[in-house]
């Protein structure tokens, strides 16, 4: 077995300092970072930007290297010429021009007037047309902005931003370059992440990177560390391992029965068209659990626990492989069932909206007073999502006393969630409004309480190192 990185702090969606930045604020933040560091180390802004980029915009690391190590080695590693050495470079453009010395372009080999030649601190010079073509190709075709090197053979000196913007002729290429610089500022900065919502151009800025819930100003919520949809209580590394395995095995025959199963009592094929996993067979009136196919009563079914029939007297690799496969199918089937239920339950918003309009029509209630139905669906989807990820989490855990408590909490949340789901899917038109409201709020509050108990217990386990994980791929 192996240890996995610890998870988030308790109440991870609270007390985590972050802010959403628009594109203008991102550029402003980048320029302020360059200016503040440049003022300390006293070098030009364009060179400072390259140094910061090299250290992934970690200013403390740059300052530490700048003052504690060999300065010449630092500039060699970052592929720029030390500004302190620029004045001593031989045969600068100005000196050659004053001496009226002719020189050919190192790319097209055409002799040009001195005012048509330009170069970097490395001393290599090219005509402006060749520079423009070279830079345009790098930017538009290769999408490069960080590592545009001097065109001279075997020269590793990087082209600074000021030179790029001066030599590029077309405005659209300049705009693309500025975009690439801004994108790289966010992409390689551990304290910045682009919002993954399609079409959003905001970035989230944090004070420290962690497995935490953040919400962009566009309304999209995600995990800051991996930018996936929020996936508590499972941490990012464990979820990544699970999803790789899940995606590799998702095409197997194990998924044939995902949407259609036979009633365990009368064998009638049943297609699941709702989120609730407590199924009622309309042909024989048999009530059973969609996940384990066992008979259910009063929203109760203990099928969240994996029971290994091969634990005693296991012999040989075949039994071990069979046991491992059974375990994977147990957790993956429940993971997928909750994911599938979540898709169905997202459709509840439309039906609930109609019920809210109907309540307003036959009563004098305001829209705010009937929002309890919408809030209940929010709670249902949130709890369903938590349950989905608990099965990925449980798959890797080595069983101990705390794991038994976790399964008890998981079972309680599952029963509460199925009860709320079943109630919301019913036709509530003929029910007393005050009674409906009370039942919905009671079930929603209970679900939310059970969710909090489960999540808090997992987070406490992260903090106190309760969880050990099997190394499974």
Protein backbone atom coordinates (compact mmCIF):
# COMPACT_ATOMS: atom_id res chain seq x y z
CA UNK A 1 0.00 0.00 0.00
CA UNK A 2 1.07 3.61 -0.37
CA UNK A 3 0.31 6.91 1.23
CA UNK A 4 -1.60 9.45 -0.79
CA UNK A 5 -1.34 13.19 -0.26
CA UNK A 6 -3.61 14.53 2.43
CA UNK A 7 -6.97 15.97 1.57
CA UNK A 8 -8.45 19.38 2.27
CA UNK A 9 -9.08 21.02 5.59
CA UNK A 10 -12.48 20.67 7.15
CA UNK A 11 -15.08 23.09 5.75
CA UNK A 12 -12.93 23.41 2.66
CA UNK A 13 -15.48 25.61 0.91
CA UNK A 14 -15.07 28.26 3.64
CA UNK A 15 -12.19 30.48 4.74
CA UNK A 16 -10.17 29.94 1.57
CA UNK A 17 -8.95 33.33 0.32
CA UNK A 18 -9.29 33.78 -3.43
CA UNK A 19 -10.59 36.24 -6.01
CA UNK A 20 -11.80 36.11 -9.61
CA UNK A 21 -9.80 38.27 -12.03
CA UNK A 22 -10.96 39.62 -15.38
CA UNK A 23 -8.52 39.73 -18.30
CA UNK A 24 -7.71 43.39 -17.60
CA UNK A 25 -6.98 42.61 -13.96
CA UNK A 26 -4.82 39.64 -14.96
CA UNK A 27 -2.66 41.89 -17.17
CA UNK A 28 -2.51 44.52 -14.42
CA UNK A 29 -1.48 41.89 -11.88
CA UNK A 30 1.25 40.61 -14.21
CA UNK A 31 2.63 44.10 -14.86
CA UNK A 32 2.62 44.92 -11.15
CA UNK A 33 4.52 41.69 -10.42
CA UNK A 34 7.14 42.57 -13.05
CA UNK A 35 7.44 46.16 -11.83
CA UNK A 36 7.78 45.26 -8.15
CA UNK A 37 10.48 42.63 -8.75
CA UNK A 38 12.26 44.78 -11.34
CA UNK A 39 12.52 47.60 -8.80
CA UNK A 40 14.21 45.23 -6.33
CA UNK A 41 16.73 43.57 -8.64
CA UNK A 42 17.14 46.71 -10.81
CA UNK A 43 16.95 45.18 -14.27
CA UNK A 44 14.70 46.09 -17.25
CA UNK A 45 11.08 44.96 -17.23
CA UNK A 46 11.40 42.72 -20.31
CA UNK A 47 14.29 40.81 -18.76
CA UNK A 48 12.45 40.60 -15.43
CA UNK A 49 9.48 39.00 -17.18
CA UNK A 50 11.69 36.27 -18.62
CA UNK A 51 13.27 35.61 -15.21
CA UNK A 52 9.86 35.41 -13.52
CA UNK A 53 8.59 33.10 -16.26
CA UNK A 54 11.58 30.81 -15.69
CA UNK A 55 10.67 30.49 -12.00
CA UNK A 56 6.95 30.07 -12.77
CA UNK A 57 6.20 33.52 -11.34
CA UNK A 58 7.46 32.54 -7.89
CA UNK A 59 8.98 35.85 -6.82
CA UNK A 60 10.48 34.46 -3.60
CA UNK A 61 12.30 31.74 -5.50
CA UNK A 62 13.63 34.25 -8.04
CA UNK A 63 14.90 36.61 -5.35
CA UNK A 64 16.52 33.74 -3.47
CA UNK A 65 18.36 32.57 -6.62
CA UNK A 66 19.26 36.13 -7.63
CA UNK A 67 21.00 36.97 -4.35
CA UNK A 68 22.24 33.60 -3.16
CA UNK A 69 23.77 32.00 -6.26
CA UNK A 70 26.23 32.83 -9.02
CA UNK A 71 24.65 35.66 -11.01
CA UNK A 72 26.24 34.66 -14.31
CA UNK A 73 24.89 31.11 -13.95
CA UNK A 74 21.41 32.45 -13.22
CA UNK A 75 21.32 34.46 -16.44
CA UNK A 76 22.78 31.54 -18.37
CA UNK A 77 20.05 29.23 -17.08
CA UNK A 78 17.33 31.74 -17.96
CA UNK A 79 18.85 32.34 -21.44
CA UNK A 80 19.20 36.10 -21.25
CA UNK A 81 22.22 38.38 -21.21
CA UNK A 82 22.95 39.99 -17.87
CA UNK A 83 22.03 43.70 -18.31
CA UNK A 84 25.22 44.57 -16.40
CA UNK A 85 27.25 43.07 -19.30
CA UNK A 86 25.38 44.75 -22.16
CA UNK A 87 27.55 47.87 -22.22
CA UNK A 88 30.70 45.78 -22.69
CA UNK A 89 29.44 43.79 -25.69
CA UNK A 90 31.68 44.28 -28.75
CA UNK A 91 30.49 45.65 -32.03
CA UNK A 92 27.06 46.87 -31.02
CA UNK A 93 24.73 48.13 -33.71
CA UNK A 94 25.59 51.71 -32.84
CA UNK A 95 29.35 51.12 -33.05
CA UNK A 96 29.06 49.38 -36.40
CA UNK A 97 26.87 52.14 -37.78
CA UNK A 98 29.33 54.82 -36.66
CA UNK A 99 32.17 52.95 -38.34
CA UNK A 100 30.09 52.56 -41.51
CA UNK A 101 30.88 48.84 -41.63
CA UNK A 102 28.77 46.81 -44.04
CA UNK A 103 27.13 43.63 -42.82
CA UNK A 104 24.92 40.98 -44.40
CA UNK A 105 21.72 39.67 -42.82
CA UNK A 106 22.51 36.29 -41.22
CA UNK A 107 19.28 34.83 -42.62
CA UNK A 108 18.79 36.18 -46.16
CA UNK A 109 22.48 37.20 -46.61
CA UNK A 110 21.44 40.47 -48.25
CA UNK A 111 23.68 43.49 -47.56
CA UNK A 112 21.56 46.17 -45.99
CA UNK A 113 22.03 49.66 -44.66
CA UNK A 114 22.94 49.84 -41.00
CA UNK A 115 19.57 51.34 -40.00
CA UNK A 116 17.84 48.25 -41.43
CA UNK A 117 19.73 45.87 -39.13
CA UNK A 118 18.78 44.95 -35.59
CA UNK A 119 19.81 42.35 -33.04
CA UNK A 120 19.92 41.19 -29.44
CA UNK A 121 22.52 41.57 -26.72
CA UNK A 122 24.17 38.38 -28.02
CA UNK A 123 25.44 40.40 -30.99
CA UNK A 124 23.64 38.48 -33.77
CA UNK A 125 21.86 40.79 -36.23
CA UNK A 126 19.28 40.30 -38.96
CA UNK A 127 17.27 42.49 -41.28
CA UNK A 128 13.90 43.67 -40.02
CA UNK A 129 11.98 41.76 -42.71
CA UNK A 130 13.57 38.46 -41.63
CA UNK A 131 12.94 39.30 -37.98
CA UNK A 132 9.29 40.02 -38.72
CA UNK A 133 8.81 36.79 -40.67
CA UNK A 134 10.63 34.72 -38.03
CA UNK A 135 8.66 36.17 -35.10
CA UNK A 136 5.33 35.98 -36.92
CA UNK A 137 5.88 32.28 -37.66
CA UNK A 138 6.82 31.55 -34.04
CA UNK A 139 3.76 33.35 -32.68
CA UNK A 140 1.01 32.47 -35.16
CA UNK A 141 2.02 28.96 -36.26
CA UNK A 142 3.81 27.65 -33.17
CA UNK A 143 1.95 29.62 -30.50
CA UNK A 144 5.27 30.46 -28.87
CA UNK A 145 5.93 33.35 -26.53
CA UNK A 146 8.14 32.02 -23.74
CA UNK A 147 11.03 30.44 -25.63
CA UNK A 148 11.51 32.48 -28.84
CA UNK A 149 15.28 32.17 -29.28
CA UNK A 150 17.66 34.23 -31.33
CA UNK A 151 17.49 32.97 -34.97
CA UNK A 152 21.26 32.45 -35.05
CA UNK A 153 22.44 28.83 -35.12
CA UNK A 154 23.19 27.42 -31.65
CA UNK A 155 22.31 30.70 -29.90
CA UNK A 156 20.00 30.18 -26.91
CA UNK A 157 19.42 33.83 -25.99
CA UNK A 158 15.68 34.59 -25.73
CA UNK A 159 14.01 37.46 -27.55
CA UNK A 160 12.63 39.97 -25.05
CA UNK A 161 9.10 41.40 -25.22
CA UNK A 162 10.22 44.90 -26.17
CA UNK A 163 12.13 43.60 -29.19
CA UNK A 164 9.21 41.40 -30.28
CA UNK A 165 6.70 44.25 -30.13
CA UNK A 166 9.08 46.62 -31.94
CA UNK A 167 9.84 44.25 -34.82
CA UNK A 168 6.40 42.76 -35.51
CA UNK A 169 4.61 44.74 -38.20
CA UNK A 170 1.01 43.46 -38.06
CA UNK A 171 -1.27 44.46 -35.21
CA UNK A 172 -3.06 41.09 -35.10
CA UNK A 173 0.26 39.33 -34.47
CA UNK A 174 0.99 41.75 -31.63
CA UNK A 175 -2.43 41.04 -30.12
CA UNK A 176 -1.78 37.29 -30.36
CA UNK A 177 1.60 37.70 -28.67
CA UNK A 178 0.08 39.71 -25.82
CA UNK A 179 -2.58 37.03 -25.42
CA UNK A 180 0.04 34.26 -25.28
CA UNK A 181 2.06 36.17 -22.68
CA UNK A 182 -1.05 36.65 -20.53
CA UNK A 183 -2.03 33.01 -20.94
CA UNK A 184 1.43 31.81 -19.93
CA UNK A 185 1.33 34.10 -16.88
CA UNK A 186 -1.76 32.24 -15.67
CA UNK A 187 -0.81 28.79 -16.95
CA UNK A 188 2.57 28.65 -15.21
CA UNK A 189 1.63 30.52 -12.05
CA UNK A 190 0.67 28.13 -9.22
CA UNK A 191 -1.42 30.87 -7.63
CA UNK A 192 -3.56 31.42 -10.74
CA UNK A 193 -5.92 29.12 -12.67
CA UNK A 194 -8.16 29.83 -15.65
CA UNK A 195 -11.83 29.24 -14.98
CA UNK A 196 -12.62 25.99 -16.86
CA UNK A 197 -16.16 27.09 -17.74
CA UNK A 198 -16.54 27.27 -21.56
CA UNK A 199 -16.32 30.84 -22.81
CA UNK A 200 -15.18 32.32 -19.50
CA UNK A 201 -12.01 34.44 -19.65
CA UNK A 202 -11.61 34.94 -15.90
CA UNK A 203 -8.88 33.49 -13.71
CA UNK A 204 -8.93 32.60 -10.01
CA UNK A 205 -6.11 34.01 -7.87
CA UNK A 206 -5.33 32.36 -4.52
CA UNK A 207 -2.82 32.89 -1.72
CA UNK A 208 -1.83 29.22 -1.66
CA UNK A 209 -2.64 26.27 -3.90
CA UNK A 210 -4.75 23.51 -2.36
CA UNK A 211 -7.63 21.08 -2.87
CA UNK A 212 -10.32 23.69 -2.25
CA UNK A 213 -13.67 24.75 -3.67
CA UNK A 214 -13.64 28.06 -5.58
CA UNK A 215 -16.38 29.90 -7.42
CA UNK A 216 -15.73 32.14 -10.41
CA UNK A 217 -17.67 35.38 -10.89
CA UNK A 218 -19.34 33.65 -13.87
CA UNK A 219 -20.97 31.27 -11.34
CA UNK A 220 -18.92 28.16 -12.14
CA UNK A 221 -17.55 26.20 -9.18
CA UNK A 222 -14.56 23.87 -9.34
CA UNK A 223 -11.61 22.43 -7.43
CA UNK A 224 -8.74 24.90 -7.53
CA UNK A 225 -5.98 22.30 -7.45
CA UNK A 226 -7.07 20.18 -10.43
CA UNK A 227 -9.74 22.49 -11.99
CA UNK A 228 -12.20 19.57 -12.15
CA UNK A 229 -15.75 19.88 -10.91
CA UNK A 230 -15.81 19.91 -7.12
CA UNK A 231 -15.26 16.34 -5.98
CA UNK A 232 -15.22 16.18 -2.19
CA UNK A 233 -14.55 14.07 -0.24
CA UNK A 234 -11.99 12.39 -2.54
CA UNK A 235 -8.71 14.25 -3.12
CA UNK A 236 -7.33 15.11 -6.56
CA UNK A 237 -4.63 12.46 -6.80
CA UNK A 238 -6.96 9.65 -5.79
CA UNK A 239 -9.70 10.86 -8.14
CA UNK A 240 -7.23 10.99 -11.04
CA UNK A 241 -6.26 7.36 -10.43
CA UNK A 242 -9.92 6.35 -10.21
CA UNK A 243 -10.95 8.14 -13.41
CA UNK A 244 -8.07 6.60 -15.38
CA UNK A 245 -9.12 3.13 -14.26
CA UNK A 246 -12.81 3.89 -14.70
CA UNK A 247 -12.36 5.20 -18.25
CA UNK A 248 -10.19 2.24 -19.22
CA UNK A 249 -12.82 -0.25 -18.03
CA UNK A 250 -15.98 1.64 -18.94
CA UNK A 251 -16.29 -0.06 -22.32
CA UNK A 252 -16.51 -3.56 -20.84
CA UNK A 253 -19.62 -5.68 -20.60
CA UNK A 254 -20.06 -4.56 -17.00
CA UNK A 255 -21.92 -1.49 -18.28
CA UNK A 256 -24.46 -3.31 -20.40
CA UNK A 257 -26.91 -3.36 -17.51
CA UNK A 258 -26.51 0.31 -16.62
CA UNK A 259 -29.85 1.56 -17.92
CA UNK A 260 -31.88 -1.64 -18.14
CA UNK A 261 -32.19 -4.43 -15.58
CA UNK A 262 -34.63 -7.26 -14.98
CA UNK A 263 -36.94 -7.20 -11.99
CA UNK A 264 -35.43 -9.74 -9.53
CA UNK A 265 -38.94 -11.01 -8.71
CA UNK A 266 -40.68 -11.41 -12.08
CA UNK A 267 -37.79 -10.85 -14.56
CA UNK A 268 -39.62 -8.04 -16.36
CA UNK A 269 -37.12 -5.70 -18.09
CA UNK A 270 -37.15 -2.29 -16.39
CA UNK A 271 -35.66 0.89 -17.82
CA UNK A 272 -34.53 3.46 -15.26
CA UNK A 273 -35.88 6.90 -16.10
CA UNK A 274 -35.47 8.73 -12.80
CA UNK A 275 -32.78 9.50 -10.26
CA UNK A 276 -34.16 7.49 -7.36
CA UNK A 277 -32.55 4.05 -6.97
CA UNK A 278 -35.51 2.55 -5.07
CA UNK A 279 -37.49 0.86 -7.84
CA UNK A 280 -41.10 -0.28 -7.89
CA UNK A 281 -41.97 -2.93 -10.49
CA UNK A 282 -45.31 -1.95 -12.00
CA UNK A 283 -46.00 -5.54 -13.08
CA UNK A 284 -45.53 -7.47 -9.81
CA UNK A 285 -45.38 -4.53 -7.32
CA UNK A 286 -41.98 -5.72 -6.07
CA UNK A 287 -39.79 -3.02 -4.47
CA UNK A 288 -36.05 -3.41 -4.93
CA UNK A 289 -32.75 -1.52 -4.99
CA UNK A 290 -31.49 -0.74 -8.49
CA UNK A 291 -27.86 -1.08 -7.39
CA UNK A 292 -27.92 -4.46 -5.63
CA UNK A 293 -31.36 -5.80 -6.82
CA UNK A 294 -32.34 -6.78 -3.26
CA UNK A 295 -35.81 -6.21 -1.80
CA UNK A 296 -36.24 -2.86 -0.05
CA UNK A 297 -38.58 -1.57 2.62
CA UNK A 298 -39.02 1.99 3.90
CA UNK A 299 -36.13 3.45 1.89
CA UNK A 300 -33.73 1.02 3.57
CA UNK A 301 -31.05 -0.98 1.79
CA UNK A 302 -27.60 -1.84 3.13
CA UNK A 303 -25.75 -2.28 -0.16
CA UNK A 304 -23.09 0.39 0.16
CA UNK A 305 -20.67 -2.04 1.87
CA UNK A 306 -18.47 -4.34 -0.17
CA UNK A 307 -18.60 -7.90 1.18
CA UNK A 308 -15.74 -10.01 -0.08
CA UNK A 309 -16.88 -13.64 -0.33
CA UNK A 310 -13.34 -14.74 -1.15
CA UNK A 311 -11.68 -13.28 1.96
CA UNK A 312 -11.52 -16.65 3.73
CA UNK A 313 -9.17 -19.35 2.49
CA UNK A 314 -8.24 -17.57 -0.73
CA UNK A 315 -5.97 -19.69 -2.88
CA UNK A 316 -4.05 -18.76 -5.99
CA UNK A 317 -3.93 -15.71 -8.22
CA UNK A 318 -7.22 -16.53 -9.99
CA UNK A 319 -9.25 -16.10 -6.81
CA UNK A 320 -7.36 -12.92 -5.99
CA UNK A 321 -8.05 -11.49 -9.45
CA UNK A 322 -11.69 -12.52 -9.21
CA UNK A 323 -11.98 -10.87 -5.81
CA UNK A 324 -10.34 -7.68 -7.08
CA UNK A 325 -12.70 -7.63 -10.08
CA UNK A 326 -15.76 -8.13 -7.86
CA UNK A 327 -14.59 -5.29 -5.63
CA UNK A 328 -14.08 -2.97 -8.59
CA UNK A 329 -17.50 -3.80 -10.06
CA UNK A 330 -19.13 -3.19 -6.67
CA UNK A 331 -17.75 0.37 -6.38
CA UNK A 332 -17.78 1.30 -10.06
CA UNK A 333 -21.39 0.18 -10.49
CA UNK A 334 -22.52 2.35 -7.58
CA UNK A 335 -20.37 5.25 -8.77
CA UNK A 336 -21.97 5.07 -12.22
CA UNK A 337 -25.49 4.61 -10.85
CA UNK A 338 -25.23 7.78 -8.80
CA UNK A 339 -23.75 9.61 -11.80
CA UNK A 340 -26.66 8.39 -13.92
CA UNK A 341 -29.19 9.37 -11.25
CA UNK A 342 -27.60 12.79 -11.12
CA UNK A 343 -28.30 13.27 -14.82
CA UNK A 344 -31.96 12.36 -14.32
CA UNK A 345 -32.27 14.57 -11.27
CA UNK A 346 -30.91 17.59 -13.10
CA UNK A 347 -34.12 17.35 -15.13
CA UNK A 348 -36.07 17.78 -11.90
CA UNK A 349 -35.38 21.51 -12.09
CA UNK A 350 -37.82 21.85 -15.00
CA UNK A 351 -40.61 19.89 -13.33
CA UNK A 352 -40.03 21.66 -10.01
CA UNK A 353 -40.22 25.01 -11.75
CA UNK A 354 -43.65 24.07 -13.10
CA UNK A 355 -44.76 23.01 -9.62
CA UNK A 356 -43.56 26.34 -8.24
CA UNK A 357 -45.60 28.25 -10.83
CA UNK A 358 -48.62 26.07 -10.04
CA UNK A 359 -48.27 26.78 -6.31
CA UNK A 360 -48.15 30.50 -7.01
CA UNK A 361 -51.20 30.25 -9.24
CA UNK A 362 -53.44 28.59 -6.66
CA UNK A 363 -52.09 30.47 -3.62
CA UNK A 364 -50.92 33.93 -2.71
CA UNK A 365 -47.35 32.82 -2.10
CA UNK A 366 -44.47 34.81 -3.56
CA UNK A 367 -41.72 33.28 -5.68
CA UNK A 368 -39.36 33.43 -2.69
CA UNK A 369 -41.85 31.45 -0.61
CA UNK A 370 -41.93 28.54 -3.06
CA UNK A 371 -38.16 28.41 -3.55
CA UNK A 372 -37.97 25.60 -1.00
CA UNK A 373 -38.61 23.17 -3.87
CA UNK A 374 -35.71 24.51 -5.93
CA UNK A 375 -33.48 24.47 -2.86
CA UNK A 376 -34.46 20.85 -2.23
CA UNK A 377 -33.30 19.85 -5.73
CA UNK A 378 -30.03 21.71 -5.10
CA UNK A 379 -29.57 19.70 -1.91
CA UNK A 380 -30.46 16.46 -3.69
CA UNK A 381 -27.93 17.00 -6.48
CA UNK A 382 -25.24 18.04 -4.02
CA UNK A 383 -25.77 14.93 -1.90
CA UNK A 384 -25.96 12.69 -4.95
CA UNK A 385 -22.63 14.09 -6.17
CA UNK A 386 -21.04 13.47 -2.77
CA UNK A 387 -22.30 9.87 -2.78
CA UNK A 388 -20.91 9.30 -6.26
CA UNK A 389 -17.41 10.32 -5.17
CA UNK A 390 -17.58 8.39 -1.88
CA UNK A 391 -17.55 5.13 -3.86
CA UNK A 392 -14.38 6.15 -5.72
CA UNK A 393 -12.89 7.13 -2.35
CA UNK A 394 -13.95 3.87 -0.64
CA UNK A 395 -12.50 1.69 -3.41
CA UNK A 396 -8.93 2.58 -2.41
CA UNK A 397 -9.29 2.63 1.39
CA UNK A 398 -7.78 -0.06 3.59
CA UNK A 399 -10.53 -1.14 5.98
CA UNK A 400 -10.26 -0.12 9.62
CA UNK A 401 -12.60 1.07 12.39
CA UNK A 402 -12.86 4.56 10.92
CA UNK A 403 -13.77 3.07 7.55
CA UNK A 404 -16.69 1.28 9.23
CA UNK A 405 -17.89 4.63 10.57
CA UNK A 406 -17.49 6.09 7.09
CA UNK A 407 -19.70 3.34 5.62
CA UNK A 408 -22.33 3.97 8.30
CA UNK A 409 -22.37 7.66 7.36
CA UNK A 410 -22.44 6.77 3.66
CA UNK A 411 -25.40 4.45 4.23
CA UNK A 412 -27.31 7.10 6.20
CA UNK A 413 -26.74 9.71 3.49
CA UNK A 414 -27.75 7.26 0.78
CA UNK A 415 -31.03 6.42 2.49
CA UNK A 416 -31.82 10.09 3.12
CA UNK A 417 -30.99 10.97 -0.49
CA UNK A 418 -33.18 8.21 -1.95
CA UNK A 419 -36.04 9.27 0.32
CA UNK A 420 -35.80 12.90 -0.83
CA UNK A 421 -35.42 11.87 -4.47
CA UNK A 422 -38.47 9.62 -4.34
CA UNK A 423 -40.57 12.33 -2.70
CA UNK A 424 -39.62 15.04 -5.22
CA UNK A 425 -40.40 12.76 -8.16
CA UNK A 426 -43.97 12.23 -6.93
CA UNK A 427 -46.95 14.16 -8.22
CA UNK A 428 -47.51 16.72 -5.46
CA UNK A 429 -50.50 18.53 -6.98
CA UNK A 430 -53.10 16.96 -4.71
CA UNK A 431 -51.11 17.37 -1.51
CA UNK A 432 -51.68 20.06 1.10
CA UNK A 433 -49.20 22.87 0.41
CA UNK A 434 -48.15 23.43 4.02
CA UNK A 435 -47.66 19.68 4.47
CA UNK A 436 -45.60 19.46 1.26
CA UNK A 437 -43.38 22.32 2.37
CA UNK A 438 -42.80 20.81 5.78
CA UNK A 439 -41.94 17.37 4.40
CA UNK A 440 -39.63 18.75 1.72
CA UNK A 441 -37.78 20.99 4.15
CA UNK A 442 -37.46 18.22 6.75
CA UNK A 443 -36.08 15.76 4.21
CA UNK A 444 -33.75 18.38 2.70
CA UNK A 445 -32.41 19.45 6.08
CA UNK A 446 -31.83 15.85 7.11
CA UNK A 447 -29.98 15.15 3.85
CA UNK A 448 -27.80 18.21 4.32
CA UNK A 449 -27.01 17.24 7.91
CA UNK A 450 -26.03 13.71 6.89
CA UNK A 451 -23.88 15.12 4.07
CA UNK A 452 -22.04 17.37 6.50
CA UNK A 453 -21.48 14.52 8.98
CA UNK A 454 -19.98 12.31 6.25
CA UNK A 455 -17.75 15.00 4.75
CA UNK A 456 -16.55 16.28 8.13
CA UNK A 457 -15.60 12.75 9.15
CA UNK A 458 -13.56 12.20 5.96
CA UNK A 459 -11.79 15.54 6.40
CA UNK A 460 -11.02 14.68 10.01
CA UNK A 461 -9.51 11.45 8.73
CA UNK A 462 -7.28 13.42 6.36
CA UNK A 463 -6.13 15.64 9.23
CA UNK A 464 -5.52 12.79 11.68
CA UNK A 465 -4.05 10.39 9.11
CA UNK A 466 -6.75 7.74 9.52
CA UNK A 467 -6.83 6.73 5.87
CA UNK A 468 -4.42 4.33 4.21
CA UNK A 469 -4.80 3.44 0.54
CA UNK A 470 -4.15 0.35 -1.51
CA UNK A 471 -1.94 1.01 -4.51
CA UNK A 472 -4.31 -0.01 -7.31
CA UNK A 473 -4.11 1.04 -10.94
